Amino acid sequence: MTVSVILPAYNEEKYIEKCIQSILNQSIPAEEVIVVDNNSTDKTVEIAKKYPVKIVLEKTQGIIATRNHGFDLATSDIIARTDADSEVPYTWIEQIKTYMDTNKCDALLGASYYNMSPPPINDTLFLSFAEAIKKIFGVYPLIGPNMAITRTMWRKIKPTLCKDERQIHEDIDIALH
C-alpha cells in the first residue's frame, strides 16, 4: 500500500519546517507529501519550498476546502493527514501502512500529544466530547493531527460531507461516515 501525506497549512511559519522534516524523516517514506497552502500571508510557502514536497494553493479559505483539495490530489492508496503545527513520530507512516494493511480498515486515527499549556477546562471538554461521540456513534472522531483514510473510502464519502465549518468540524464529519 502506498501513502500520500496531506498537510493543510495557513500561516504556519513557526511550525511547518519541523513538521515537514518529521514527515520526510520516516522509517518508510511516503510516496508523496502535499502541502496545501490556504492563502498564507507569512513565510509558510517559502519555508515549504526548501523541501521535496508538492505545494498547492487552495484559494477558498477554511480547513474543509483545504483538506478536500489535498485529499482530491492524493494519488496513493492511503491518505494520511497531519496538521502543519504537528510533528509525527519516526515510524508514523510505517505504523499506518502496517495497521491498515493487516486490519483491512478504511480509516484510522492515532493518538495526539499536545505540547502546550491550554486552560485545564479544554482538555476536559475535548475528552468529554470525544467520549460522547464514541458513546453515541460507536467511533472516536478522526483527529486532524493523526488520521488516515483509504483513497477509495475518501471518494465514497466525500459527496456526503458537510461543506460548512460552522456546522461541524471536518475531521469529526469524516469519522461519522
Protein backbone atom coordinates (compact mmCIF):
# COMPACT_ATOMS: atom_id res chain seq x y z
CA MET A 1 0.00 0.00 0.00
CA THR A 2 1.20 3.50 -0.82
CA VAL A 3 0.77 6.63 1.31
CA SER A 4 0.20 10.28 0.45
CA VAL A 5 0.61 12.76 3.30
CA ILE A 6 -1.60 15.84 3.19
CA LEU A 7 -0.52 18.87 5.16
CA PRO A 8 -3.07 21.73 5.24
CA ALA A 9 -1.34 24.99 6.18
CA TYR A 10 -2.32 28.55 6.96
CA ASN A 11 0.28 30.94 8.39
CA GLU A 12 2.35 28.17 9.96
CA GLU A 13 5.84 29.65 9.51
CA LYS A 14 6.70 28.91 13.15
CA TYR A 15 5.97 25.19 12.86
CA ILE A 16 5.90 23.91 9.28
CA GLU A 17 9.62 23.26 8.94
CA LYS A 18 9.74 20.82 11.85
CA CYS A 19 6.53 19.22 10.61
CA ILE A 20 7.87 18.66 7.09
CA GLN A 21 11.17 17.38 8.45
CA SER A 22 9.35 14.85 10.64
CA ILE A 23 7.32 13.66 7.62
CA LEU A 24 10.37 13.34 5.38
CA ASN A 25 12.45 11.62 8.08
CA GLN A 26 10.39 8.44 8.29
CA SER A 27 11.44 4.81 8.64
CA ILE A 28 9.40 4.23 5.46
CA PRO A 29 8.93 7.26 3.19
CA ALA A 30 5.60 8.47 1.87
CA GLU A 31 5.14 8.25 -1.88
CA GLU A 32 4.10 11.91 -1.90
CA VAL A 33 3.79 14.83 0.50
CA ILE A 34 1.36 17.59 -0.45
CA VAL A 35 1.36 20.92 1.38
CA VAL A 36 -1.95 22.66 0.74
CA ASP A 37 -1.47 26.34 1.46
CA ASN A 38 -4.62 28.25 2.36
CA ASN A 39 -3.61 31.81 1.42
CA SER A 40 -0.83 32.19 3.97
CA THR A 41 0.48 35.73 4.40
CA ASP A 42 3.65 34.72 6.24
CA LYS A 43 6.65 32.61 5.12
CA THR A 44 4.85 29.25 5.18
CA VAL A 45 5.22 28.63 1.43
CA GLU A 46 8.78 29.97 1.31
CA ILE A 47 9.80 27.51 4.02
CA ALA A 48 7.96 24.58 2.40
CA LYS A 49 9.73 25.27 -0.92
CA LYS A 50 13.04 24.26 0.68
CA TYR A 51 11.85 20.64 0.78
CA PRO A 52 10.94 17.97 -1.82
CA VAL A 53 7.19 18.34 -1.33
CA LYS A 54 4.39 19.31 -3.67
CA ILE A 55 2.92 22.72 -2.80
CA VAL A 56 -0.55 23.68 -3.99
CA LEU A 57 -2.78 26.65 -3.23
CA GLU A 58 -6.36 26.45 -2.03
CA LYS A 59 -7.97 29.86 -2.51
CA THR A 60 -11.22 29.09 -0.66
CA GLN A 61 -10.49 29.96 2.95
CA GLY A 62 -11.06 27.23 5.54
CA ILE A 63 -9.88 23.82 6.61
CA ILE A 64 -12.64 21.90 4.82
CA ALA A 65 -11.75 23.26 1.36
CA THR A 66 -8.04 22.94 2.11
CA ARG A 67 -8.29 19.34 3.31
CA ASN A 68 -10.57 18.35 0.44
CA HIS A 69 -8.21 19.84 -2.16
CA GLY A 70 -5.28 17.87 -0.77
CA PHE A 71 -7.24 14.64 -0.42
CA ASP A 72 -8.52 15.01 -4.00
CA LEU A 73 -4.96 15.41 -5.32
CA ALA A 74 -3.60 12.39 -3.45
CA THR A 75 -2.60 9.52 -5.72
CA SER A 76 -1.73 6.85 -3.14
CA ASP A 77 -3.84 4.04 -1.68
CA ILE A 78 -3.84 5.69 1.75
CA ILE A 79 -4.26 9.38 2.51
CA ALA A 80 -2.63 10.38 5.80
CA ARG A 81 -3.21 13.80 7.27
CA THR A 82 -1.48 15.82 9.92
CA ASP A 83 -1.51 19.47 10.90
CA ALA A 84 1.27 21.89 9.97
CA ASP A 85 1.91 22.63 13.64
CA SER A 86 2.41 18.93 14.41
CA GLU A 87 5.40 16.62 14.35
CA VAL A 88 4.92 12.94 13.57
CA PRO A 89 7.00 10.13 15.09
CA TYR A 90 9.70 8.35 13.08
CA THR A 91 7.55 5.26 12.41
CA TRP A 92 4.28 7.12 11.70
CA ILE A 93 3.92 6.07 8.04
CA GLU A 94 5.17 2.56 8.76
CA GLN A 95 2.57 2.13 11.50
CA ILE A 96 -0.22 3.45 9.27
CA LYS A 97 0.71 1.10 6.41
CA THR A 98 1.12 -1.92 8.68
CA TYR A 99 -2.10 -1.40 10.61
CA MET A 100 -4.28 -0.60 7.61
CA ASP A 101 -2.89 -3.49 5.59
CA THR A 102 -3.09 -6.01 8.44
CA ASN A 103 -6.57 -5.00 9.59
CA LYS A 104 -8.05 -4.13 6.19
CA CYS A 105 -9.64 -0.99 7.62
CA ASP A 106 -10.82 2.09 5.71
CA ALA A 107 -9.88 4.75 8.24
CA LEU A 108 -7.54 5.08 11.16
CA LEU A 109 -6.86 7.55 13.92
CA GLY A 110 -3.95 7.72 16.27
CA ALA A 111 -3.08 9.44 19.48
CA SER A 112 -2.15 13.10 19.54
CA TYR A 113 0.05 14.70 22.15
CA TYR A 114 -0.31 18.43 22.69
CA ASN A 115 2.93 20.10 23.78
CA MET A 116 1.33 23.28 25.05
CA SER A 117 -0.44 24.56 28.11
CA PRO A 118 -4.12 25.08 27.31
CA PRO A 119 -6.51 26.02 30.09
CA PRO A 120 -7.35 22.79 32.00
CA ILE A 121 -11.01 23.03 31.01
CA ASN A 122 -10.13 22.48 27.32
CA ASP A 123 -8.74 19.01 27.98
CA THR A 124 -11.83 18.09 29.95
CA LEU A 125 -14.19 19.38 27.28
CA PHE A 126 -12.34 17.65 24.44
CA LEU A 127 -12.15 14.32 26.24
CA SER A 128 -15.82 14.56 27.16
CA PHE A 129 -16.70 15.40 23.54
CA ALA A 130 -14.62 12.53 22.15
CA GLU A 131 -16.18 10.13 24.64
CA ALA A 132 -19.67 11.42 23.76
CA ILE A 133 -19.04 10.81 20.04
CA LYS A 134 -17.83 7.29 20.90
CA LYS A 135 -20.90 6.54 23.02
CA ILE A 136 -23.38 7.94 20.51
CA PHE A 137 -21.89 6.70 17.23
CA GLY A 138 -19.61 3.88 18.35
CA VAL A 139 -16.47 5.52 16.95
CA TYR A 140 -13.95 8.05 18.15
CA PRO A 141 -13.62 11.16 15.97
CA LEU A 142 -10.76 11.13 13.46
CA ILE A 143 -8.49 13.80 14.87
CA GLY A 144 -6.80 16.01 12.25
CA PRO A 145 -3.21 15.77 13.52
CA ASN A 146 -3.13 11.99 13.20
CA MET A 147 -5.54 10.33 10.81
CA ALA A 148 -5.55 8.23 7.66
CA ILE A 149 -8.22 7.09 5.23
CA THR A 150 -8.10 4.98 2.09
CA ARG A 151 -8.47 6.90 -1.13
CA THR A 152 -11.33 4.56 -2.08
CA MET A 153 -13.23 5.44 1.10
CA TRP A 154 -12.47 9.16 0.65
CA ARG A 155 -14.04 9.11 -2.81
CA LYS A 156 -17.05 7.23 -1.47
CA ILE A 157 -17.84 9.59 1.44
CA LYS A 158 -16.75 12.95 0.02
CA PRO A 159 -20.08 13.80 -1.67
CA THR A 160 -21.91 13.40 1.65
CA LEU A 161 -19.55 15.50 3.78
CA CYS A 162 -20.56 18.87 5.16
CA LYS A 163 -19.04 21.89 3.41
CA ASP A 164 -19.85 24.41 6.17
CA GLU A 165 -17.32 24.65 9.02
CA ARG A 166 -19.91 26.37 11.19
CA GLN A 167 -21.97 23.15 11.29
CA ILE A 168 -19.36 20.52 12.15
CA HIS A 169 -15.59 20.22 12.21
CA GLU A 170 -14.23 18.38 9.18
CA ASP A 171 -12.38 15.56 10.92
CA ILE A 172 -15.41 14.73 13.06
CA ASP A 173 -17.59 14.71 9.94
CA ILE A 174 -15.34 12.09 8.32
CA ALA A 175 -15.42 9.96 11.47
CA LEU A 176 -19.21 9.91 11.46
CA HIS A 177 -19.28 8.47 7.96
